[in-house]
C-alpha atoms as a PDB file:
ATOM      1  CA  UNK A   1       5.007  32.726 -82.090  1.00  0.00           C
ATOM      2  CA  UNK A   2       7.550  35.437 -81.517  1.00  0.00           C
ATOM      3  CA  UNK A   3       6.598  38.698 -83.162  1.00  0.00           C
ATOM      4  CA  UNK A   4       3.065  37.581 -83.924  1.00  0.00           C
ATOM      5  CA  UNK A   5       0.616  40.408 -84.559  1.00  0.00           C
ATOM      6  CA  UNK A   6      -2.582  39.637 -82.744  1.00  0.00           C
ATOM      7  CA  UNK A   7      -5.537  40.118 -85.058  1.00  0.00           C
ATOM      8  CA  UNK A   8      -8.107  37.758 -83.549  1.00  0.00           C
ATOM      9  CA  UNK A   9     -10.335  38.840 -80.711  1.00  0.00           C
ATOM     10  CA  UNK A  10      -9.751  36.640 -77.661  1.00  0.00           C
ATOM     11  CA  UNK A  11     -12.810  34.503 -77.106  1.00  0.00           C
ATOM     12  CA  UNK A  12     -11.684  32.321 -74.223  1.00  0.00           C
ATOM     13  CA  UNK A  13     -10.258  33.039 -70.809  1.00  0.00           C
ATOM     14  CA  UNK A  14      -8.636  30.948 -68.113  1.00  0.00           C
ATOM     15  CA  UNK A  15      -8.185  31.846 -64.479  1.00  0.00           C
ATOM     16  CA  UNK A  16      -4.557  31.861 -63.338  1.00  0.00           C
ATOM     17  CA  UNK A  17      -5.223  28.843 -61.116  1.00  0.00           C
ATOM     18  CA  UNK A  18      -6.536  26.862 -64.112  1.00  0.00           C
ATOM     19  CA  UNK A  19      -4.069  27.802 -66.859  1.00  0.00           C
ATOM     20  CA  UNK A  20      -1.178  25.391 -67.283  1.00  0.00           C
ATOM     21  CA  UNK A  21       2.572  25.846 -67.243  1.00  0.00           C
ATOM     22  CA  UNK A  22       4.836  24.025 -69.715  1.00  0.00           C
ATOM     23  CA  UNK A  23       5.229  21.020 -67.398  1.00  0.00           C
ATOM     24  CA  UNK A  24       1.444  20.559 -67.170  1.00  0.00           C
ATOM     25  CA  UNK A  25       1.062  21.894 -63.632  1.00  0.00           C
ATOM     26  CA  UNK A  26      -1.573  24.531 -62.940  1.00  0.00           C
ATOM     27  CA  UNK A  27      -1.016  28.021 -61.589  1.00  0.00           C
ATOM     28  CA  UNK A  28       0.555  30.490 -63.982  1.00  0.00           C
ATOM     29  CA  UNK A  29       3.170  32.212 -61.822  1.00  0.00           C
ATOM     30  CA  UNK A  30       6.678  30.772 -62.244  1.00  0.00           C
ATOM     31  CA  UNK A  31      10.193  32.136 -62.585  1.00  0.00           C
ATOM     32  CA  UNK A  32      11.350  29.063 -64.520  1.00  0.00           C
ATOM     33  CA  UNK A  33       8.422  27.685 -66.533  1.00  0.00           C
ATOM     34  CA  UNK A  34       6.666  29.223 -69.512  1.00  0.00           C
ATOM     35  CA  UNK A  35       2.958  28.835 -70.151  1.00  0.00           C
ATOM     36  CA  UNK A  36       1.918  25.639 -71.901  1.00  0.00           C
ATOM     37  CA  UNK A  37       0.051  27.819 -74.413  1.00  0.00           C
ATOM     38  CA  UNK A  38       0.954  31.436 -74.904  1.00  0.00           C
ATOM     39  CA  UNK A  39      -1.795  33.903 -74.035  1.00  0.00           C
ATOM     40  CA  UNK A  40      -2.840  36.847 -76.218  1.00  0.00           C
ATOM     41  CA  UNK A  41      -3.716  39.081 -73.300  1.00  0.00           C
ATOM     42  CA  UNK A  42      -4.728  39.260 -69.669  1.00  0.00           C
ATOM     43  CA  UNK A  43      -6.552  41.238 -67.032  1.00  0.00           C
ATOM     44  CA  UNK A  44      -6.479  41.316 -63.254  1.00  0.00           C
ATOM     45  CA  UNK A  45      -9.339  41.122 -60.766  1.00  0.00           C
ATOM     46  CA  UNK A  46      -7.312  42.679 -57.947  1.00  0.00           C
ATOM     47  CA  UNK A  47      -4.909  45.599 -57.705  1.00  0.00           C
ATOM     48  CA  UNK A  48      -1.192  44.922 -58.004  1.00  0.00           C
ATOM     49  CA  UNK A  49       1.635  44.281 -60.414  1.00  0.00           C
ATOM     50  CA  UNK A  50       2.161  41.522 -62.970  1.00  0.00           C
ATOM     51  CA  UNK A  51       5.549  40.703 -64.492  1.00  0.00           C
ATOM     52  CA  UNK A  52       5.425  38.857 -67.806  1.00  0.00           C
ATOM     53  CA  UNK A  53       7.766  37.625 -70.510  1.00  0.00           C
ATOM     54  CA  UNK A  54       6.327  38.768 -73.830  1.00  0.00           C
ATOM     55  CA  UNK A  55       6.155  36.824 -77.060  1.00  0.00           C
ATOM     56  CA  UNK A  56       9.313  38.633 -78.189  1.00  0.00           C
ATOM     57  CA  UNK A  57      11.159  37.552 -75.034  1.00  0.00           C
ATOM     58  CA  UNK A  58      11.252  40.867 -73.207  1.00  0.00           C
ATOM     59  CA  UNK A  59      10.297  41.129 -69.539  1.00  0.00           C
ATOM     60  CA  UNK A  60       7.904  43.851 -68.463  1.00  0.00           C
ATOM     61  CA  UNK A  61       6.181  44.678 -65.180  1.00  0.00           C
ATOM     62  CA  UNK A  62       2.739  46.216 -65.477  1.00  0.00           C
ATOM     63  CA  UNK A  63       0.307  47.629 -62.920  1.00  0.00           C
ATOM     64  CA  UNK A  64      -2.947  47.398 -64.866  1.00  0.00           C
ATOM     65  CA  UNK A  65      -6.284  48.792 -63.749  1.00  0.00           C
ATOM     66  CA  UNK A  66      -8.579  46.145 -62.291  1.00  0.00           C
ATOM     67  CA  UNK A  67     -10.909  44.659 -64.923  1.00  0.00           C
ATOM     68  CA  UNK A  68      -9.224  46.291 -67.921  1.00  0.00           C
ATOM     69  CA  UNK A  69      -8.044  43.833 -70.622  1.00  0.00           C
ATOM     70  CA  UNK A  70      -4.431  44.190 -71.781  1.00  0.00           C
ATOM     71  CA  UNK A  71      -3.646  42.868 -75.261  1.00  0.00           C
ATOM     72  CA  UNK A  72      -0.135  41.444 -75.049  1.00  0.00           C
ATOM     73  CA  UNK A  73       1.332  38.150 -76.238  1.00  0.00           C
ATOM     74  CA  UNK A  74       2.532  36.385 -73.082  1.00  0.00           C
ATOM     75  CA  UNK A  75       4.765  33.335 -72.868  1.00  0.00           C
ATOM     76  CA  UNK A  76       5.396  33.457 -69.110  1.00  0.00           C
ATOM     77  CA  UNK A  77       3.978  35.073 -65.968  1.00  0.00           C
ATOM     78  CA  UNK A  78       6.893  35.516 -63.591  1.00  0.00           C
ATOM     79  CA  UNK A  79       6.504  34.967 -59.867  1.00  0.00           C
ATOM     80  CA  UNK A  80       9.147  37.575 -59.066  1.00  0.00           C
ATOM     81  CA  UNK A  81       7.627  41.012 -59.523  1.00  0.00           C
ATOM     82  CA  UNK A  82       4.026  39.762 -59.553  1.00  0.00           C
ATOM     83  CA  UNK A  83       1.960  40.727 -56.527  1.00  0.00           C
ATOM     84  CA  UNK A  84      -1.423  39.664 -57.956  1.00  0.00           C
ATOM     85  CA  UNK A  85      -2.465  36.146 -56.892  1.00  0.00           C
ATOM     86  CA  UNK A  86      -2.944  33.398 -59.509  1.00  0.00           C
ATOM     87  CA  UNK A  87      -6.687  33.430 -58.802  1.00  0.00           C
ATOM     88  CA  UNK A  88      -6.891  37.118 -59.761  1.00  0.00           C
ATOM     89  CA  UNK A  89      -5.039  36.817 -63.087  1.00  0.00           C
ATOM     90  CA  UNK A  90      -7.175  36.029 -66.136  1.00  0.00           C
ATOM     91  CA  UNK A  91      -5.389  34.965 -69.331  1.00  0.00           C
ATOM     92  CA  UNK A  92      -7.017  35.363 -72.742  1.00  0.00           C
ATOM     93  CA  UNK A  93      -6.677  32.928 -75.639  1.00  0.00           C
ATOM     94  CA  UNK A  94      -8.063  32.934 -79.172  1.00  0.00           C
ATOM     95  CA  UNK A  95      -9.010  29.287 -78.617  1.00  0.00           C
ATOM     96  CA  UNK A  96      -8.581  26.705 -75.888  1.00  0.00           C
END
């Protein structure tokens, strides 16, 4: 997936409490586990910061506006540096 150009419009979304980590547990925030399925974007329903590992492996901390979709391939949502609760993170997928 690394370096994938996202051309499809995300049609499905999962709440951060529902989305799964690589070990099958729910709740997206983790400093050690990637997402079971990489997301193609996200938005937040509460103010704060979100630290993610991108599809290319870089780590970035963002402070997005509430309710504004961010198109970014995401393989991990890190706990460290993320102040937004799982319940307020929405991950987008092209299919589920």
